[in-house]
Amino acid sequence: MLNKVPVFVAVLLLGCFTSTLRAAPSEIYLLRHAEKLTSKDKDPRLSPCGVAQAQAMAKLIPGSLSTIYHSGYQRTRQTAQQIGLTQPGAKIDLYNAADLAHLVTRIQQQDAAVLVVGHSNTTPELVHLLSKLTAPTITEQDYGVVYQLKHSEQGYSLFSFSIKQPSICLSSKT
């Protein structure tokens, strides 16, 4: 009986240890929210062009997402909601844009593909925090780019995909 106790304890500890280990997602998608209304409001909604951009970006994300993260701003929530319409199994979840380290920890505990809808300043920072790769530069005029971090044995590789701007966006700029 005494010989079985150390084996039992070792198996129990190994089980606890391995259950806390989770694989990071093999794919992480990140994007800046779609075009917002021109407004003095600190929390503007998406413009009609932005809604069309979000719908177009949804088509660039293959497969299924487990979670779509968005900051507390209307424009990120609305972008996430538009993409969520094509991802019926995805949970839409709020994150604190002022605490990206906590978001990174949450993402790294996932084992399925996730999407983060962020801002021109937070999206590049998240790319770097998650992958240690050089972050892309995103300006206030950049809309419609989906970044993909794809995991391999060597770490993450960064890819980017751009939408063709919807016609509503082209007609509203003239």
C-alpha atoms as a PDB file:
ATOM      1  CA  MET A   1       0.000   0.000   0.000  1.00  0.00           C
ATOM      2  CA  LEU A   2       2.811   2.433   0.851  1.00  0.00           C
ATOM      3  CA  ASN A   3       4.411   1.950  -2.587  1.00  0.00           C
ATOM      4  CA  LYS A   4       1.169   2.951  -4.279  1.00  0.00           C
ATOM      5  CA  VAL A   5       0.867   6.271  -2.403  1.00  0.00           C
ATOM      6  CA  PRO A   6       3.900   7.982  -4.051  1.00  0.00           C
ATOM      7  CA  VAL A   7       2.751   6.784  -7.486  1.00  0.00           C
ATOM      8  CA  PHE A   8      -0.755   8.068  -6.816  1.00  0.00           C
ATOM      9  CA  VAL A   9       0.591  11.447  -5.648  1.00  0.00           C
ATOM     10  CA  ALA A  10       2.875  11.685  -8.707  1.00  0.00           C
ATOM     11  CA  VAL A  11      -0.003  10.909 -11.074  1.00  0.00           C
ATOM     12  CA  LEU A  12      -2.240  13.383  -9.262  1.00  0.00           C
ATOM     13  CA  LEU A  13       0.377  16.141  -9.459  1.00  0.00           C
ATOM     14  CA  LEU A  14       1.104  15.401 -13.113  1.00  0.00           C
ATOM     15  CA  GLY A  15      -2.609  15.561 -13.868  1.00  0.00           C
ATOM     16  CA  CYS A  16      -2.931  18.935 -12.127  1.00  0.00           C
ATOM     17  CA  PHE A  17       0.138  20.270 -13.906  1.00  0.00           C
ATOM     18  CA  THR A  18      -0.902  19.162 -17.390  1.00  0.00           C
ATOM     19  CA  SER A  19      -4.455  20.385 -16.937  1.00  0.00           C
ATOM     20  CA  THR A  20      -3.121  23.901 -16.329  1.00  0.00           C
ATOM     21  CA  LEU A  21      -0.992  23.766 -19.479  1.00  0.00           C
ATOM     22  CA  ARG A  22      -2.951  24.926 -22.490  1.00  0.00           C
ATOM     23  CA  ALA A  23      -1.793  25.362 -26.011  1.00  0.00           C
ATOM     24  CA  ALA A  24      -1.825  28.919 -27.272  1.00  0.00           C
ATOM     25  CA  PRO A  25      -4.136  29.416 -30.243  1.00  0.00           C
ATOM     26  CA  SER A  26      -2.647  28.292 -33.530  1.00  0.00           C
ATOM     27  CA  GLU A  27      -4.250  31.347 -35.137  1.00  0.00           C
ATOM     28  CA  ILE A  28      -4.898  34.772 -33.682  1.00  0.00           C
ATOM     29  CA  TYR A  29      -6.616  37.402 -35.795  1.00  0.00           C
ATOM     30  CA  LEU A  30      -6.320  41.092 -34.997  1.00  0.00           C
ATOM     31  CA  LEU A  31      -7.818  44.115 -36.682  1.00  0.00           C
ATOM     32  CA  ARG A  32      -8.509  47.737 -36.139  1.00  0.00           C
ATOM     33  CA  HIS A  33     -12.202  48.601 -35.880  1.00  0.00           C
ATOM     34  CA  ALA A  34     -13.951  49.632 -39.081  1.00  0.00           C
ATOM     35  CA  GLU A  35     -14.492  53.270 -40.082  1.00  0.00           C
ATOM     36  CA  LYS A  36     -16.207  55.389 -37.453  1.00  0.00           C
ATOM     37  CA  LEU A  37     -18.501  58.358 -37.929  1.00  0.00           C
ATOM     38  CA  THR A  38     -16.776  61.732 -37.996  1.00  0.00           C
ATOM     39  CA  SER A  39     -17.862  63.190 -34.704  1.00  0.00           C
ATOM     40  CA  LYS A  40     -16.668  65.162 -31.699  1.00  0.00           C
ATOM     41  CA  ASP A  41     -18.101  62.343 -29.604  1.00  0.00           C
ATOM     42  CA  LYS A  42     -15.341  60.339 -27.859  1.00  0.00           C
ATOM     43  CA  ASP A  43     -17.211  57.122 -28.624  1.00  0.00           C
ATOM     44  CA  PRO A  44     -18.599  57.359 -32.172  1.00  0.00           C
ATOM     45  CA  ARG A  45     -20.527  54.569 -33.854  1.00  0.00           C
ATOM     46  CA  LEU A  46     -19.495  52.928 -37.109  1.00  0.00           C
ATOM     47  CA  SER A  47     -20.303  54.828 -40.270  1.00  0.00           C
ATOM     48  CA  PRO A  48     -22.330  53.058 -42.981  1.00  0.00           C
ATOM     49  CA  CYS A  49     -18.984  52.525 -44.721  1.00  0.00           C
ATOM     50  CA  GLY A  50     -17.629  51.003 -41.481  1.00  0.00           C
ATOM     51  CA  VAL A  51     -20.489  48.503 -41.287  1.00  0.00           C
ATOM     52  CA  ALA A  52     -19.726  47.415 -44.867  1.00  0.00           C
ATOM     53  CA  GLN A  53     -15.998  47.183 -44.046  1.00  0.00           C
ATOM     54  CA  ALA A  54     -16.696  44.987 -41.012  1.00  0.00           C
ATOM     55  CA  GLN A  55     -18.841  42.689 -43.150  1.00  0.00           C
ATOM     56  CA  ALA A  56     -16.048  42.483 -45.745  1.00  0.00           C
ATOM     57  CA  MET A  57     -13.402  41.760 -43.072  1.00  0.00           C
ATOM     58  CA  ALA A  58     -15.563  38.911 -41.750  1.00  0.00           C
ATOM     59  CA  LYS A  59     -15.107  37.166 -45.108  1.00  0.00           C
ATOM     60  CA  LEU A  60     -11.301  37.264 -44.685  1.00  0.00           C
ATOM     61  CA  ILE A  61     -11.425  35.173 -41.510  1.00  0.00           C
ATOM     62  CA  PRO A  62     -11.651  31.494 -42.449  1.00  0.00           C
ATOM     63  CA  GLY A  63     -12.773  28.739 -40.141  1.00  0.00           C
ATOM     64  CA  SER A  64     -14.371  29.273 -36.801  1.00  0.00           C
ATOM     65  CA  LEU A  65     -13.421  31.508 -33.917  1.00  0.00           C
ATOM     66  CA  SER A  66     -13.943  30.616 -30.274  1.00  0.00           C
ATOM     67  CA  THR A  67     -13.920  34.206 -29.014  1.00  0.00           C
ATOM     68  CA  ILE A  68     -14.133  37.684 -30.502  1.00  0.00           C
ATOM     69  CA  TYR A  69     -12.661  40.264 -28.132  1.00  0.00           C
ATOM     70  CA  HIS A  70     -13.515  43.966 -28.339  1.00  0.00           C
ATOM     71  CA  SER A  71     -12.697  47.025 -26.248  1.00  0.00           C
ATOM     72  CA  GLY A  72     -15.461  48.967 -24.546  1.00  0.00           C
ATOM     73  CA  TYR A  73     -15.922  51.412 -27.415  1.00  0.00           C
ATOM     74  CA  GLN A  74     -18.992  51.280 -29.683  1.00  0.00           C
ATOM     75  CA  ARG A  75     -16.895  51.065 -32.852  1.00  0.00           C
ATOM     76  CA  THR A  76     -15.032  47.936 -31.711  1.00  0.00           C
ATOM     77  CA  ARG A  77     -18.195  46.328 -30.337  1.00  0.00           C
ATOM     78  CA  GLN A  78     -20.101  47.014 -33.570  1.00  0.00           C
ATOM     79  CA  THR A  79     -17.227  45.679 -35.677  1.00  0.00           C
ATOM     80  CA  ALA A  80     -17.116  42.547 -33.489  1.00  0.00           C
ATOM     81  CA  GLN A  81     -20.881  42.115 -33.777  1.00  0.00           C
ATOM     82  CA  GLN A  82     -20.800  42.317 -37.587  1.00  0.00           C
ATOM     83  CA  ILE A  83     -18.040  39.697 -37.720  1.00  0.00           C
ATOM     84  CA  GLY A  84     -19.874  37.630 -35.111  1.00  0.00           C
ATOM     85  CA  LEU A  85     -22.810  37.273 -37.495  1.00  0.00           C
ATOM     86  CA  THR A  86     -20.584  34.987 -39.598  1.00  0.00           C
ATOM     87  CA  GLN A  87     -19.182  33.185 -36.532  1.00  0.00           C
ATOM     88  CA  PRO A  88     -22.238  31.722 -34.791  1.00  0.00           C
ATOM     89  CA  GLY A  89     -20.173  29.661 -32.329  1.00  0.00           C
ATOM     90  CA  ALA A  90     -17.993  32.567 -31.205  1.00  0.00           C
ATOM     91  CA  LYS A  91     -18.440  34.254 -27.862  1.00  0.00           C
ATOM     92  CA  ILE A  92     -18.171  38.058 -28.016  1.00  0.00           C
ATOM     93  CA  ASP A  93     -16.194  39.257 -25.015  1.00  0.00           C
ATOM     94  CA  LEU A  94     -15.135  42.647 -23.656  1.00  0.00           C
ATOM     95  CA  TYR A  95     -11.509  43.471 -22.789  1.00  0.00           C
ATOM     96  CA  ASN A  96      -9.889  46.444 -21.091  1.00  0.00           C
ATOM     97  CA  ALA A  97      -7.814  48.315 -23.696  1.00  0.00           C
ATOM     98  CA  ALA A  98      -5.762  49.834 -20.857  1.00  0.00           C
ATOM     99  CA  ASP A  99      -4.653  46.356 -19.681  1.00  0.00           C
ATOM    100  CA  LEU A 100      -3.348  44.552 -22.761  1.00  0.00           C
ATOM    101  CA  ALA A 101      -1.107  42.277 -20.673  1.00  0.00           C
ATOM    102  CA  HIS A 102      -4.221  40.743 -19.098  1.00  0.00           C
ATOM    103  CA  LEU A 103      -5.766  40.251 -22.542  1.00  0.00           C
ATOM    104  CA  VAL A 104      -2.582  38.525 -23.749  1.00  0.00           C
ATOM    105  CA  THR A 105      -2.831  36.122 -20.796  1.00  0.00           C
ATOM    106  CA  ARG A 106      -6.471  35.386 -21.621  1.00  0.00           C
ATOM    107  CA  ILE A 107      -5.638  34.756 -25.274  1.00  0.00           C
ATOM    108  CA  GLN A 108      -2.712  32.485 -24.432  1.00  0.00           C
ATOM    109  CA  GLN A 109      -5.042  30.330 -22.327  1.00  0.00           C
ATOM    110  CA  GLN A 110      -7.240  29.677 -25.362  1.00  0.00           C
ATOM    111  CA  ASP A 111      -6.664  26.656 -27.548  1.00  0.00           C
ATOM    112  CA  ALA A 112      -8.814  27.748 -30.487  1.00  0.00           C
ATOM    113  CA  ALA A 113      -8.650  30.655 -32.931  1.00  0.00           C
ATOM    114  CA  VAL A 114      -9.581  34.091 -31.583  1.00  0.00           C
ATOM    115  CA  LEU A 115     -10.094  37.591 -32.971  1.00  0.00           C
ATOM    116  CA  VAL A 116      -9.253  40.871 -31.259  1.00  0.00           C
ATOM    117  CA  VAL A 117     -10.925  44.030 -32.540  1.00  0.00           C
ATOM    118  CA  GLY A 118      -8.791  46.932 -31.390  1.00  0.00           C
ATOM    119  CA  HIS A 119      -7.574  50.391 -32.264  1.00  0.00           C
ATOM    120  CA  SER A 120      -4.740  51.942 -34.283  1.00  0.00           C
ATOM    121  CA  ASN A 121      -2.573  52.002 -31.143  1.00  0.00           C
ATOM    122  CA  THR A 122      -3.599  48.749 -29.428  1.00  0.00           C
ATOM    123  CA  THR A 123      -3.562  46.393 -32.433  1.00  0.00           C
ATOM    124  CA  PRO A 124       0.163  46.855 -33.207  1.00  0.00           C
ATOM    125  CA  GLU A 125       1.013  46.597 -29.514  1.00  0.00           C
ATOM    126  CA  LEU A 126      -0.932  43.334 -29.230  1.00  0.00           C
ATOM    127  CA  VAL A 127       0.804  41.900 -32.301  1.00  0.00           C
ATOM    128  CA  HIS A 128       4.135  42.554 -30.599  1.00  0.00           C
ATOM    129  CA  LEU A 129       3.077  41.347 -27.142  1.00  0.00           C
ATOM    130  CA  LEU A 130       1.681  38.095 -28.534  1.00  0.00           C
ATOM    131  CA  SER A 131       4.431  37.284 -31.026  1.00  0.00           C
ATOM    132  CA  LYS A 132       7.505  39.427 -30.236  1.00  0.00           C
ATOM    133  CA  LEU A 133       7.452  40.353 -33.948  1.00  0.00           C
ATOM    134  CA  THR A 134       7.835  43.889 -35.269  1.00  0.00           C
ATOM    135  CA  ALA A 135       4.413  45.478 -35.065  1.00  0.00           C
ATOM    136  CA  PRO A 136       2.700  46.904 -38.139  1.00  0.00           C
ATOM    137  CA  THR A 137       2.148  50.649 -38.346  1.00  0.00           C
ATOM    138  CA  ILE A 138      -1.521  51.565 -38.407  1.00  0.00           C
ATOM    139  CA  THR A 139      -2.618  55.148 -39.040  1.00  0.00           C
ATOM    140  CA  GLU A 140      -5.936  56.793 -38.269  1.00  0.00           C
ATOM    141  CA  GLN A 141      -6.888  56.340 -41.933  1.00  0.00           C
ATOM    142  CA  ASP A 142      -6.148  52.606 -42.103  1.00  0.00           C
ATOM    143  CA  TYR A 143      -9.290  50.491 -42.207  1.00  0.00           C
ATOM    144  CA  GLY A 144      -9.941  47.048 -43.576  1.00  0.00           C
ATOM    145  CA  VAL A 145      -6.765  45.101 -42.756  1.00  0.00           C
ATOM    146  CA  VAL A 146      -6.914  41.747 -40.959  1.00  0.00           C
ATOM    147  CA  TYR A 147      -3.696  40.587 -39.298  1.00  0.00           C
ATOM    148  CA  GLN A 148      -3.155  36.897 -38.711  1.00  0.00           C
ATOM    149  CA  LEU A 149      -0.632  35.447 -36.280  1.00  0.00           C
ATOM    150  CA  LYS A 150      -0.089  31.831 -37.254  1.00  0.00           C
ATOM    151  CA  HIS A 151       1.739  29.580 -34.789  1.00  0.00           C
ATOM    152  CA  SER A 152       4.340  26.976 -35.737  1.00  0.00           C
ATOM    153  CA  GLU A 153       7.227  25.249 -33.953  1.00  0.00           C
ATOM    154  CA  GLN A 154       9.353  28.359 -34.604  1.00  0.00           C
ATOM    155  CA  GLY A 155       6.811  30.708 -33.032  1.00  0.00           C
ATOM    156  CA  TYR A 156       4.319  33.051 -34.663  1.00  0.00           C
ATOM    157  CA  SER A 157       4.447  34.394 -38.215  1.00  0.00           C
ATOM    158  CA  LEU A 158       2.523  37.528 -39.180  1.00  0.00           C
ATOM    159  CA  PHE A 159       0.335  37.774 -42.272  1.00  0.00           C
ATOM    160  CA  SER A 160      -1.984  40.576 -43.348  1.00  0.00           C
ATOM    161  CA  PHE A 161      -4.997  40.616 -45.630  1.00  0.00           C
ATOM    162  CA  SER A 162      -6.773  43.717 -46.928  1.00  0.00           C
ATOM    163  CA  ILE A 163     -10.349  44.034 -48.045  1.00  0.00           C
ATOM    164  CA  LYS A 164     -11.384  45.641 -51.282  1.00  0.00           C
ATOM    165  CA  GLN A 165     -13.078  48.801 -50.022  1.00  0.00           C
ATOM    166  CA  PRO A 166     -16.859  48.478 -50.384  1.00  0.00           C
ATOM    167  CA  SER A 167     -18.467  50.743 -52.965  1.00  0.00           C
ATOM    168  CA  ILE A 168     -20.298  52.697 -50.243  1.00  0.00           C
ATOM    169  CA  CYS A 169     -16.877  53.722 -48.900  1.00  0.00           C
ATOM    170  CA  LEU A 170     -15.620  54.886 -52.281  1.00  0.00           C
ATOM    171  CA  SER A 171     -18.754  56.923 -53.006  1.00  0.00           C
ATOM    172  CA  SER A 172     -18.688  58.601 -49.576  1.00  0.00           C
ATOM    173  CA  LYS A 173     -15.135  59.915 -50.173  1.00  0.00           C
ATOM    174  CA  THR A 174     -15.980  61.871 -53.317  1.00  0.00           C
END
